[in-house]
Amino acid sequence: MQIQDYSLGMVLNWGTHLLDIVQWANDTERTGPVEVSGHGTFPTGMLYDVLQDFEVRYRYANGVELHYHMAGRPYVRFEGTDGWVEAEWWKGVQASRDEILKTKPGPDEIQLPLINEKVDFIQALKTRRETLIPAEVGHRTASLCQLGWIAIRLGTRLHWDPAAERFTNSDEANALLARPERAPWTLASLETA
């Protein structure tokens, strides 16, 4: 059972596993979209109150569009002029044509290394390099999911400033970027005087 006080449901759960791949492939893992809209179904009259189904559309400053929705299976699909490639959570990578999978990225092209995140973390500790998904990238991926939830909740197209991390066309949406704290719990500021 999922309740919004503790979880946003699958929009955040699968999103954090899959949308980081999209952000990475789009070279936007340290920024985000400039526009978001969506729709979905929230159950009523039940304790369970997270989205049951959803569809979110994001647009990036570079013109790329991301469509994120409940599809019955967790996967990422990239579509281009030469065909498509899908990365499915448990099945691996497939493409519309075998030649696409045989193509080797050039030295200046984005390459997506396939490595288990736990193995990556241990290797990063041993070599003192940054992990493939550092905290800032994780934050941007989780934010992407939350932006979708906010757009669905409000039922409107929102404009997002990824540098300021604020909506530029909705004070109501900005109010949903944080939750009211419940006494006696508070978040202390990390800033020092």
N, C-alpha and C. Protein backbone atom coordinates (compact mmCIF):
# COMPACT_ATOMS: atom_id res chain seq x y z
N MET A 1 0.85 -1.17 0.00
CA MET A 1 0.00 0.00 0.00
C MET A 1 0.90 1.24 0.00
N GLN A 2 0.61 2.20 -0.86
CA GLN A 2 1.42 3.40 -0.92
C GLN A 2 0.57 4.62 -0.63
N ILE A 3 1.11 5.50 0.18
CA ILE A 3 0.42 6.70 0.62
C ILE A 3 1.33 7.89 0.33
N GLN A 4 0.79 8.96 -0.23
CA GLN A 4 1.59 10.10 -0.65
C GLN A 4 2.38 10.75 0.48
N ASP A 5 1.96 10.57 1.72
CA ASP A 5 2.74 11.12 2.83
C ASP A 5 4.13 10.49 2.89
N TYR A 6 4.26 9.29 2.33
CA TYR A 6 5.51 8.55 2.44
C TYR A 6 6.15 8.21 1.10
N SER A 7 5.37 8.26 0.04
CA SER A 7 5.87 7.86 -1.28
C SER A 7 4.98 8.45 -2.36
N LEU A 8 5.54 8.78 -3.50
CA LEU A 8 4.72 9.25 -4.62
C LEU A 8 4.33 8.09 -5.54
N GLY A 9 4.71 6.87 -5.18
CA GLY A 9 4.32 5.71 -5.96
C GLY A 9 5.25 5.47 -7.14
N MET A 10 4.71 4.80 -8.16
CA MET A 10 5.52 4.36 -9.29
C MET A 10 6.08 5.51 -10.13
N VAL A 11 5.42 6.66 -10.12
CA VAL A 11 5.96 7.80 -10.89
C VAL A 11 7.37 8.14 -10.40
N LEU A 12 7.62 7.94 -9.11
CA LEU A 12 8.95 8.19 -8.56
C LEU A 12 9.78 6.90 -8.52
N ASN A 13 9.16 5.79 -8.16
CA ASN A 13 9.89 4.55 -8.01
C ASN A 13 10.57 4.13 -9.31
N TRP A 14 9.80 3.85 -10.37
CA TRP A 14 10.43 3.45 -11.62
C TRP A 14 11.17 4.61 -12.27
N GLY A 15 10.68 5.82 -12.04
CA GLY A 15 11.35 6.98 -12.64
C GLY A 15 12.80 7.11 -12.23
N THR A 16 13.09 6.86 -10.95
CA THR A 16 14.48 6.99 -10.49
C THR A 16 15.36 5.92 -11.09
N HIS A 17 14.78 4.78 -11.45
CA HIS A 17 15.57 3.71 -12.06
C HIS A 17 15.78 3.92 -13.56
N LEU A 18 14.83 4.56 -14.21
CA LEU A 18 14.86 4.64 -15.68
C LEU A 18 15.20 6.03 -16.22
N LEU A 19 14.69 7.07 -15.58
CA LEU A 19 14.87 8.41 -16.16
C LEU A 19 16.30 8.92 -16.06
N ASP A 20 17.10 8.36 -15.15
CA ASP A 20 18.50 8.77 -15.12
C ASP A 20 19.21 8.35 -16.41
N ILE A 21 18.79 7.22 -16.99
CA ILE A 21 19.37 6.79 -18.27
C ILE A 21 19.02 7.79 -19.37
N VAL A 22 17.78 8.27 -19.35
CA VAL A 22 17.33 9.25 -20.35
C VAL A 22 18.11 10.55 -20.18
N GLN A 23 18.21 11.03 -18.95
CA GLN A 23 18.95 12.26 -18.69
C GLN A 23 20.40 12.13 -19.16
N TRP A 24 20.99 10.99 -18.88
CA TRP A 24 22.38 10.73 -19.26
C TRP A 24 22.53 10.73 -20.78
N ALA A 25 21.67 10.01 -21.45
CA ALA A 25 21.75 9.93 -22.92
C ALA A 25 21.51 11.28 -23.58
N ASN A 26 20.72 12.13 -22.93
CA ASN A 26 20.40 13.46 -23.46
C ASN A 26 21.44 14.50 -23.02
N ASP A 27 22.41 14.09 -22.24
CA ASP A 27 23.44 15.00 -21.70
C ASP A 27 22.81 16.11 -20.85
N THR A 28 21.77 15.74 -20.10
CA THR A 28 21.08 16.71 -19.23
C THR A 28 21.02 16.21 -17.79
N GLU A 29 21.93 15.30 -17.42
CA GLU A 29 21.85 14.71 -16.08
C GLU A 29 22.14 15.68 -14.94
N ARG A 30 22.68 16.86 -15.25
CA ARG A 30 22.92 17.86 -14.21
C ARG A 30 22.04 19.10 -14.40
N THR A 31 20.97 18.92 -15.16
CA THR A 31 20.01 20.00 -15.38
C THR A 31 18.63 19.36 -15.45
N GLY A 32 17.77 19.83 -16.31
CA GLY A 32 16.43 19.24 -16.41
C GLY A 32 15.64 19.85 -17.54
N PRO A 33 14.38 19.50 -17.64
CA PRO A 33 13.53 20.01 -18.72
C PRO A 33 13.17 21.47 -18.49
N VAL A 34 12.61 22.08 -19.52
CA VAL A 34 12.13 23.46 -19.39
C VAL A 34 10.60 23.52 -19.37
N GLU A 35 9.97 22.39 -19.69
CA GLU A 35 8.50 22.34 -19.71
C GLU A 35 8.04 20.95 -19.33
N VAL A 36 6.93 20.87 -18.60
CA VAL A 36 6.38 19.58 -18.18
C VAL A 36 4.86 19.67 -18.12
N SER A 37 4.19 18.62 -18.56
CA SER A 37 2.74 18.51 -18.45
C SER A 37 2.40 17.04 -18.31
N GLY A 38 1.22 16.76 -17.81
CA GLY A 38 0.85 15.36 -17.66
C GLY A 38 -0.55 15.17 -17.15
N HIS A 39 -0.96 13.92 -17.13
CA HIS A 39 -2.25 13.57 -16.57
C HIS A 39 -2.14 12.18 -15.96
N GLY A 40 -3.04 11.88 -15.03
CA GLY A 40 -3.02 10.59 -14.38
C GLY A 40 -4.26 10.42 -13.53
N THR A 41 -4.34 9.26 -12.89
CA THR A 41 -5.49 8.93 -12.07
C THR A 41 -5.05 8.71 -10.63
N PHE A 42 -5.63 9.50 -9.74
CA PHE A 42 -5.44 9.31 -8.31
C PHE A 42 -6.67 8.59 -7.77
N PRO A 43 -6.51 7.53 -6.99
CA PRO A 43 -7.68 6.87 -6.42
C PRO A 43 -8.35 7.78 -5.38
N THR A 44 -9.63 7.61 -5.19
CA THR A 44 -10.36 8.38 -4.18
C THR A 44 -11.06 7.43 -3.23
N GLY A 45 -11.29 7.90 -2.01
CA GLY A 45 -12.02 7.12 -1.03
C GLY A 45 -11.25 5.93 -0.48
N MET A 46 -9.93 5.94 -0.62
CA MET A 46 -9.11 4.83 -0.13
C MET A 46 -7.93 5.38 0.64
N LEU A 47 -7.30 4.53 1.44
CA LEU A 47 -6.07 4.92 2.10
C LEU A 47 -4.95 5.05 1.08
N TYR A 48 -4.90 4.12 0.12
CA TYR A 48 -3.93 4.13 -0.97
C TYR A 48 -4.26 5.33 -1.86
N ASP A 49 -3.32 6.28 -2.02
CA ASP A 49 -3.67 7.50 -2.74
C ASP A 49 -2.63 7.97 -3.76
N VAL A 50 -1.69 7.10 -4.14
CA VAL A 50 -0.70 7.49 -5.15
C VAL A 50 -1.26 7.25 -6.54
N LEU A 51 -0.63 7.85 -7.54
CA LEU A 51 -1.08 7.69 -8.93
C LEU A 51 -1.22 6.23 -9.30
N GLN A 52 -2.34 5.90 -9.92
CA GLN A 52 -2.52 4.53 -10.42
C GLN A 52 -1.96 4.40 -11.83
N ASP A 53 -2.14 5.41 -12.64
CA ASP A 53 -1.58 5.45 -13.99
C ASP A 53 -1.25 6.90 -14.30
N PHE A 54 -0.34 7.10 -15.24
CA PHE A 54 0.07 8.46 -15.55
C PHE A 54 0.74 8.52 -16.91
N GLU A 55 0.77 9.72 -17.45
CA GLU A 55 1.56 10.04 -18.63
C GLU A 55 2.09 11.45 -18.44
N VAL A 56 3.39 11.59 -18.55
CA VAL A 56 4.05 12.89 -18.38
C VAL A 56 4.86 13.17 -19.63
N ARG A 57 4.83 14.43 -20.08
CA ARG A 57 5.64 14.87 -21.22
C ARG A 57 6.55 16.00 -20.76
N TYR A 58 7.82 15.83 -21.09
CA TYR A 58 8.83 16.83 -20.76
C TYR A 58 9.41 17.35 -22.07
N ARG A 59 9.78 18.61 -22.08
CA ARG A 59 10.51 19.18 -23.22
C ARG A 59 11.76 19.83 -22.68
N TYR A 60 12.88 19.55 -23.34
CA TYR A 60 14.18 20.10 -22.93
C TYR A 60 14.54 21.30 -23.79
N ALA A 61 15.45 22.11 -23.32
CA ALA A 61 15.88 23.30 -24.06
C ALA A 61 16.46 22.93 -25.42
N ASN A 62 17.02 21.74 -25.56
CA ASN A 62 17.60 21.32 -26.84
C ASN A 62 16.55 20.76 -27.80
N GLY A 63 15.28 20.81 -27.42
CA GLY A 63 14.19 20.36 -28.28
C GLY A 63 13.79 18.90 -28.09
N VAL A 64 14.57 18.13 -27.36
CA VAL A 64 14.24 16.73 -27.11
C VAL A 64 12.98 16.65 -26.26
N GLU A 65 12.11 15.70 -26.62
CA GLU A 65 10.90 15.45 -25.84
C GLU A 65 11.01 14.08 -25.18
N LEU A 66 10.60 14.02 -23.93
CA LEU A 66 10.58 12.78 -23.16
C LEU A 66 9.12 12.48 -22.81
N HIS A 67 8.69 11.28 -23.11
CA HIS A 67 7.35 10.82 -22.76
C HIS A 67 7.53 9.71 -21.72
N TYR A 68 6.97 9.92 -20.54
CA TYR A 68 7.11 8.98 -19.43
C TYR A 68 5.72 8.54 -19.02
N HIS A 69 5.47 7.23 -19.06
CA HIS A 69 4.13 6.75 -18.70
C HIS A 69 4.18 5.32 -18.21
N MET A 70 3.10 4.94 -17.53
CA MET A 70 2.94 3.55 -17.11
C MET A 70 2.68 2.73 -18.37
N ALA A 71 3.53 1.76 -18.63
CA ALA A 71 3.41 0.99 -19.87
C ALA A 71 3.29 -0.51 -19.61
N GLY A 72 3.15 -0.91 -18.37
CA GLY A 72 3.03 -2.31 -18.06
C GLY A 72 4.36 -3.03 -17.88
N ARG A 73 5.44 -2.42 -18.32
CA ARG A 73 6.77 -2.98 -18.13
C ARG A 73 7.77 -1.82 -18.02
N PRO A 74 8.79 -1.97 -17.21
CA PRO A 74 9.77 -0.89 -17.04
C PRO A 74 10.84 -0.92 -18.13
N TYR A 75 10.83 0.08 -18.99
CA TYR A 75 11.84 0.17 -20.05
C TYR A 75 12.01 1.62 -20.48
N VAL A 76 13.12 1.86 -21.17
CA VAL A 76 13.41 3.16 -21.76
C VAL A 76 13.52 2.93 -23.26
N ARG A 77 12.90 3.80 -24.04
CA ARG A 77 12.96 3.68 -25.50
C ARG A 77 13.46 4.99 -26.08
N PHE A 78 14.48 4.90 -26.92
CA PHE A 78 15.02 6.06 -27.63
C PHE A 78 14.61 5.92 -29.09
N GLU A 79 14.01 6.97 -29.63
CA GLU A 79 13.59 6.94 -31.03
C GLU A 79 14.34 8.02 -31.80
N GLY A 80 14.83 7.64 -32.97
CA GLY A 80 15.56 8.59 -33.81
C GLY A 80 15.24 8.36 -35.27
N THR A 81 15.96 9.02 -36.13
CA THR A 81 15.69 8.93 -37.57
C THR A 81 16.04 7.56 -38.15
N ASP A 82 16.94 6.81 -37.49
CA ASP A 82 17.36 5.50 -38.00
C ASP A 82 16.64 4.33 -37.34
N GLY A 83 15.73 4.61 -36.39
CA GLY A 83 15.03 3.52 -35.71
C GLY A 83 14.95 3.78 -34.22
N TRP A 84 14.82 2.72 -33.45
CA TRP A 84 14.69 2.84 -32.01
C TRP A 84 15.56 1.82 -31.29
N VAL A 85 15.85 2.14 -30.02
CA VAL A 85 16.57 1.25 -29.12
C VAL A 85 15.78 1.23 -27.82
N GLU A 86 15.58 0.05 -27.25
CA GLU A 86 14.93 -0.08 -25.96
C GLU A 86 15.86 -0.76 -24.97
N ALA A 87 15.88 -0.24 -23.76
CA ALA A 87 16.60 -0.87 -22.65
C ALA A 87 15.53 -1.26 -21.64
N GLU A 88 15.34 -2.55 -21.48
CA GLU A 88 14.33 -3.04 -20.53
C GLU A 88 15.03 -3.51 -19.27
N TRP A 89 14.41 -3.25 -18.16
CA TRP A 89 15.02 -3.48 -16.85
C TRP A 89 15.65 -4.87 -16.74
N TRP A 90 14.92 -5.94 -17.07
CA TRP A 90 15.46 -7.28 -16.89
C TRP A 90 15.88 -7.95 -18.18
N LYS A 91 15.46 -7.46 -19.33
CA LYS A 91 15.72 -8.16 -20.58
C LYS A 91 16.92 -7.63 -21.35
N GLY A 92 17.46 -6.50 -20.97
CA GLY A 92 18.59 -5.96 -21.69
C GLY A 92 18.18 -5.01 -22.80
N VAL A 93 19.00 -4.92 -23.84
CA VAL A 93 18.83 -3.94 -24.91
C VAL A 93 18.34 -4.61 -26.19
N GLN A 94 17.35 -3.98 -26.85
CA GLN A 94 16.83 -4.42 -28.15
C GLN A 94 16.78 -3.21 -29.07
N ALA A 95 16.70 -3.47 -30.37
CA ALA A 95 16.61 -2.36 -31.33
C ALA A 95 15.71 -2.76 -32.49
N SER A 96 15.27 -1.73 -33.22
CA SER A 96 14.41 -1.97 -34.37
C SER A 96 15.19 -2.69 -35.49
N ARG A 97 16.50 -2.51 -35.50
CA ARG A 97 17.35 -3.18 -36.50
C ARG A 97 18.64 -3.62 -35.81
N ASP A 98 19.12 -4.81 -36.13
CA ASP A 98 20.34 -5.34 -35.52
C ASP A 98 21.55 -4.44 -35.74
N GLU A 99 21.60 -3.75 -36.89
CA GLU A 99 22.75 -2.88 -37.19
C GLU A 99 22.90 -1.77 -36.15
N ILE A 100 21.80 -1.32 -35.59
CA ILE A 100 21.87 -0.25 -34.59
C ILE A 100 22.67 -0.72 -33.38
N LEU A 101 22.45 -1.94 -32.94
CA LEU A 101 23.16 -2.46 -31.77
C LEU A 101 24.64 -2.71 -32.05
N LYS A 102 25.00 -2.87 -33.31
CA LYS A 102 26.39 -3.12 -33.68
C LYS A 102 27.19 -1.82 -33.86
N THR A 103 26.50 -0.69 -33.88
CA THR A 103 27.16 0.60 -34.07
C THR A 103 27.98 0.95 -32.83
N LYS A 104 29.21 1.34 -33.04
CA LYS A 104 30.10 1.75 -31.95
C LYS A 104 30.09 3.27 -31.85
N PRO A 105 29.88 3.82 -30.63
CA PRO A 105 29.91 5.28 -30.47
C PRO A 105 31.29 5.84 -30.77
N GLY A 106 31.31 7.03 -31.34
CA GLY A 106 32.57 7.71 -31.62
C GLY A 106 33.16 8.26 -30.34
N PRO A 107 34.40 8.72 -30.37
CA PRO A 107 35.08 9.19 -29.16
C PRO A 107 34.41 10.42 -28.53
N ASP A 108 33.73 11.23 -29.33
CA ASP A 108 33.08 12.44 -28.79
C ASP A 108 31.59 12.24 -28.56
N GLU A 109 31.09 11.02 -28.73
CA GLU A 109 29.67 10.73 -28.54
C GLU A 109 29.43 10.19 -27.13
N ILE A 110 28.23 10.41 -26.64
CA ILE A 110 27.88 9.93 -25.30
C ILE A 110 27.87 8.41 -25.30
N GLN A 111 28.57 7.83 -24.33
CA GLN A 111 28.60 6.39 -24.17
C GLN A 111 28.00 6.04 -22.82
N LEU A 112 27.11 5.08 -22.80
CA LEU A 112 26.44 4.68 -21.58
C LEU A 112 27.01 3.36 -21.09
N PRO A 113 27.93 3.41 -20.14
CA PRO A 113 28.49 2.16 -19.64
C PRO A 113 27.44 1.38 -18.86
N LEU A 114 27.38 0.08 -19.10
CA LEU A 114 26.44 -0.77 -18.38
C LEU A 114 27.19 -1.44 -17.25
N ILE A 115 26.91 -0.98 -16.02
CA ILE A 115 27.57 -1.54 -14.85
C ILE A 115 26.58 -1.50 -13.69
N ASN A 116 26.61 -2.52 -12.88
CA ASN A 116 25.76 -2.58 -11.69
C ASN A 116 26.14 -1.42 -10.76
N GLU A 117 25.13 -0.73 -10.23
CA GLU A 117 25.41 0.46 -9.40
C GLU A 117 26.17 0.11 -8.13
N LYS A 118 26.01 -1.08 -7.61
CA LYS A 118 26.74 -1.48 -6.40
C LYS A 118 28.21 -1.73 -6.72
N VAL A 119 28.46 -2.37 -7.84
CA VAL A 119 29.85 -2.59 -8.29
C VAL A 119 30.50 -1.24 -8.58
N ASP A 120 29.76 -0.35 -9.25
CA ASP A 120 30.29 0.98 -9.54
C ASP A 120 30.67 1.72 -8.27
N PHE A 121 29.83 1.64 -7.25
CA PHE A 121 30.09 2.34 -5.99
C PHE A 121 31.39 1.82 -5.36
N ILE A 122 31.56 0.51 -5.31
CA ILE A 122 32.77 -0.08 -4.72
C ILE A 122 34.00 0.32 -5.54
N GLN A 123 33.89 0.27 -6.87
CA GLN A 123 35.02 0.67 -7.72
C GLN A 123 35.36 2.15 -7.54
N ALA A 124 34.34 2.99 -7.36
CA ALA A 124 34.59 4.42 -7.15
C ALA A 124 35.32 4.64 -5.82
N LEU A 125 34.95 3.89 -4.80
CA LEU A 125 35.66 4.00 -3.52
C LEU A 125 37.12 3.59 -3.66
N LYS A 126 37.35 2.50 -4.37
CA LYS A 126 38.71 1.99 -4.52
C LYS A 126 39.59 2.91 -5.35
N THR A 127 39.03 3.54 -6.37
CA THR A 127 39.82 4.37 -7.28
C THR A 127 39.71 5.86 -6.99
N ARG A 128 38.83 6.22 -6.07
CA ARG A 128 38.58 7.62 -5.68
C ARG A 128 38.00 8.45 -6.82
N ARG A 129 37.34 7.81 -7.76
CA ARG A 129 36.66 8.53 -8.83
C ARG A 129 35.20 8.75 -8.43
N GLU A 130 34.54 9.65 -9.14
CA GLU A 130 33.13 9.90 -8.91
C GLU A 130 32.31 8.70 -9.39
N THR A 131 31.24 8.38 -8.70
CA THR A 131 30.37 7.30 -9.15
C THR A 131 29.68 7.72 -10.45
N LEU A 132 29.16 6.74 -11.19
CA LEU A 132 28.45 7.06 -12.42
C LEU A 132 27.20 7.88 -12.16
N ILE A 133 26.59 7.69 -11.00
CA ILE A 133 25.40 8.47 -10.64
C ILE A 133 25.67 9.16 -9.30
N PRO A 134 26.35 10.30 -9.32
CA PRO A 134 26.63 11.02 -8.09
C PRO A 134 25.37 11.70 -7.54
N ALA A 135 25.47 12.25 -6.36
CA ALA A 135 24.30 12.82 -5.66
C ALA A 135 23.56 13.85 -6.51
N GLU A 136 24.27 14.74 -7.19
CA GLU A 136 23.60 15.78 -7.99
C GLU A 136 22.76 15.16 -9.11
N VAL A 137 23.29 14.11 -9.73
CA VAL A 137 22.55 13.44 -10.80
C VAL A 137 21.32 12.73 -10.22
N GLY A 138 21.49 12.08 -9.08
CA GLY A 138 20.35 11.45 -8.40
C GLY A 138 19.28 12.46 -8.03
N HIS A 139 19.72 13.62 -7.56
CA HIS A 139 18.77 14.69 -7.21
C HIS A 139 17.99 15.13 -8.45
N ARG A 140 18.69 15.33 -9.56
CA ARG A 140 18.02 15.78 -10.78
C ARG A 140 17.03 14.74 -11.30
N THR A 141 17.36 13.46 -11.16
CA THR A 141 16.45 12.40 -11.60
C THR A 141 15.22 12.36 -10.71
N ALA A 142 15.41 12.40 -9.39
CA ALA A 142 14.26 12.40 -8.48
C ALA A 142 13.40 13.65 -8.71
N SER A 143 14.05 14.78 -8.97
CA SER A 143 13.30 16.03 -9.25
C SER A 143 12.45 15.88 -10.49
N LEU A 144 12.99 15.24 -11.53
CA LEU A 144 12.25 15.03 -12.77
C LEU A 144 10.93 14.30 -12.49
N CYS A 145 11.00 13.27 -11.66
CA CYS A 145 9.79 12.52 -11.29
C CYS A 145 8.81 13.40 -10.52
N GLN A 146 9.32 14.18 -9.59
CA GLN A 146 8.47 15.05 -8.78
C GLN A 146 7.84 16.16 -9.62
N LEU A 147 8.58 16.67 -10.61
CA LEU A 147 8.00 17.68 -11.51
C LEU A 147 6.80 17.10 -12.25
N GLY A 148 6.93 15.85 -12.69
CA GLY A 148 5.81 15.18 -13.35
C GLY A 148 4.61 15.04 -12.43
N TRP A 149 4.86 14.64 -11.20
CA TRP A 149 3.78 14.49 -10.21
C TRP A 149 3.07 15.83 -9.99
N ILE A 150 3.85 16.91 -9.88
CA ILE A 150 3.26 18.25 -9.66
C ILE A 150 2.41 18.66 -10.85
N ALA A 151 2.92 18.44 -12.07
CA ALA A 151 2.15 18.81 -13.27
C ALA A 151 0.84 18.02 -13.32
N ILE A 152 0.89 16.74 -12.98
CA ILE A 152 -0.33 15.93 -12.96
C ILE A 152 -1.27 16.44 -11.87
N ARG A 153 -0.74 16.67 -10.70
CA ARG A 153 -1.56 17.14 -9.56
C ARG A 153 -2.31 18.42 -9.92
N LEU A 154 -1.62 19.34 -10.58
CA LEU A 154 -2.24 20.63 -10.92
C LEU A 154 -2.98 20.60 -12.25
N GLY A 155 -2.71 19.62 -13.08
CA GLY A 155 -3.39 19.51 -14.37
C GLY A 155 -3.09 20.65 -15.32
N THR A 156 -1.85 21.11 -15.31
CA THR A 156 -1.49 22.24 -16.16
C THR A 156 -0.08 22.06 -16.74
N ARG A 157 0.21 22.79 -17.81
CA ARG A 157 1.54 22.81 -18.40
C ARG A 157 2.38 23.79 -17.58
N LEU A 158 3.53 23.31 -17.14
CA LEU A 158 4.39 24.11 -16.28
C LEU A 158 5.71 24.41 -16.99
N HIS A 159 6.24 25.58 -16.73
CA HIS A 159 7.55 25.99 -17.26
C HIS A 159 8.55 25.95 -16.11
N TRP A 160 9.65 25.26 -16.34
CA TRP A 160 10.64 24.99 -15.30
C TRP A 160 11.96 25.65 -15.64
N ASP A 161 12.55 26.30 -14.65
CA ASP A 161 13.89 26.86 -14.79
C ASP A 161 14.84 25.90 -14.08
N PRO A 162 15.56 25.05 -14.82
CA PRO A 162 16.40 24.04 -14.17
C PRO A 162 17.57 24.63 -13.39
N ALA A 163 18.02 25.84 -13.73
CA ALA A 163 19.12 26.45 -12.99
C ALA A 163 18.64 26.93 -11.61
N ALA A 164 17.50 27.60 -11.58
CA ALA A 164 16.94 28.11 -10.32
C ALA A 164 16.15 27.03 -9.58
N GLU A 165 15.79 25.96 -10.28
CA GLU A 165 14.95 24.89 -9.75
C GLU A 165 13.62 25.44 -9.20
N ARG A 166 12.98 26.23 -10.06
CA ARG A 166 11.69 26.85 -9.73
C ARG A 166 10.84 26.88 -10.99
N PHE A 167 9.52 26.85 -10.78
CA PHE A 167 8.60 27.03 -11.89
C PHE A 167 8.50 28.52 -12.18
N THR A 168 8.45 28.89 -13.43
CA THR A 168 8.40 30.31 -13.80
C THR A 168 6.98 30.79 -14.06
N ASN A 169 6.01 29.88 -14.08
CA ASN A 169 4.65 30.30 -14.40
C ASN A 169 3.60 29.85 -13.38
N SER A 170 4.04 29.41 -12.19
CA SER A 170 3.04 28.93 -11.23
C SER A 170 3.55 28.96 -9.79
N ASP A 171 3.02 29.90 -9.02
CA ASP A 171 3.34 29.92 -7.59
C ASP A 171 2.76 28.69 -6.89
N GLU A 172 1.62 28.22 -7.38
CA GLU A 172 0.99 27.04 -6.80
C GLU A 172 1.90 25.81 -6.98
N ALA A 173 2.52 25.69 -8.13
CA ALA A 173 3.45 24.59 -8.36
C ALA A 173 4.69 24.73 -7.50
N ASN A 174 5.21 25.95 -7.35
CA ASN A 174 6.38 26.17 -6.50
C ASN A 174 6.09 25.80 -5.05
N ALA A 175 4.86 26.01 -4.61
CA ALA A 175 4.48 25.66 -3.24
C ALA A 175 4.55 24.15 -3.01
N LEU A 176 4.45 23.36 -4.09
CA LEU A 176 4.50 21.91 -3.96
C LEU A 176 5.92 21.34 -4.01
N LEU A 177 6.91 22.21 -4.15
CA LEU A 177 8.30 21.75 -4.18
C LEU A 177 8.81 21.32 -2.81
N ALA A 178 8.09 21.69 -1.78
CA ALA A 178 8.44 21.28 -0.41
C ALA A 178 7.15 20.96 0.33
N ARG A 179 7.28 20.14 1.34
CA ARG A 179 6.11 19.78 2.15
C ARG A 179 6.18 20.48 3.49
N PRO A 180 5.03 20.74 4.08
CA PRO A 180 5.06 21.31 5.44
C PRO A 180 5.71 20.31 6.39
N GLU A 181 6.50 20.81 7.30
CA GLU A 181 7.15 19.94 8.28
C GLU A 181 6.18 19.65 9.43
N ARG A 182 6.32 18.47 10.01
CA ARG A 182 5.46 18.07 11.13
C ARG A 182 6.27 18.15 12.41
N ALA A 183 5.77 18.93 13.35
CA ALA A 183 6.44 19.06 14.65
C ALA A 183 6.48 17.69 15.32
N PRO A 184 7.56 17.40 15.98
CA PRO A 184 8.70 18.25 16.31
C PRO A 184 9.82 18.19 15.28
N TRP A 185 9.57 17.58 14.11
CA TRP A 185 10.62 17.36 13.13
C TRP A 185 10.84 18.59 12.26
N THR A 186 12.10 18.93 12.03
CA THR A 186 12.46 20.04 11.14
C THR A 186 13.71 19.66 10.37
N LEU A 187 13.93 20.35 9.26
CA LEU A 187 15.17 20.19 8.52
C LEU A 187 16.09 21.35 8.89
N ALA A 188 17.25 21.04 9.38
CA ALA A 188 18.20 22.08 9.74
C ALA A 188 18.91 22.56 8.48
N SER A 189 19.24 23.80 8.46
CA SER A 189 19.97 24.36 7.33
C SER A 189 21.40 23.86 7.37
N LEU A 190 21.96 23.57 6.20
CA LEU A 190 23.35 23.14 6.13
C LEU A 190 24.29 24.32 5.97
N GLU A 191 23.71 25.51 5.81
CA GLU A 191 24.54 26.70 5.65
C GLU A 191 25.15 27.09 6.99
N THR A 192 26.36 27.58 6.95
CA THR A 192 26.98 28.06 8.18
C THR A 192 27.16 29.56 8.09
N ALA A 193 27.14 30.19 9.21
CA ALA A 193 27.26 31.66 9.25
C ALA A 193 28.69 32.09 9.10
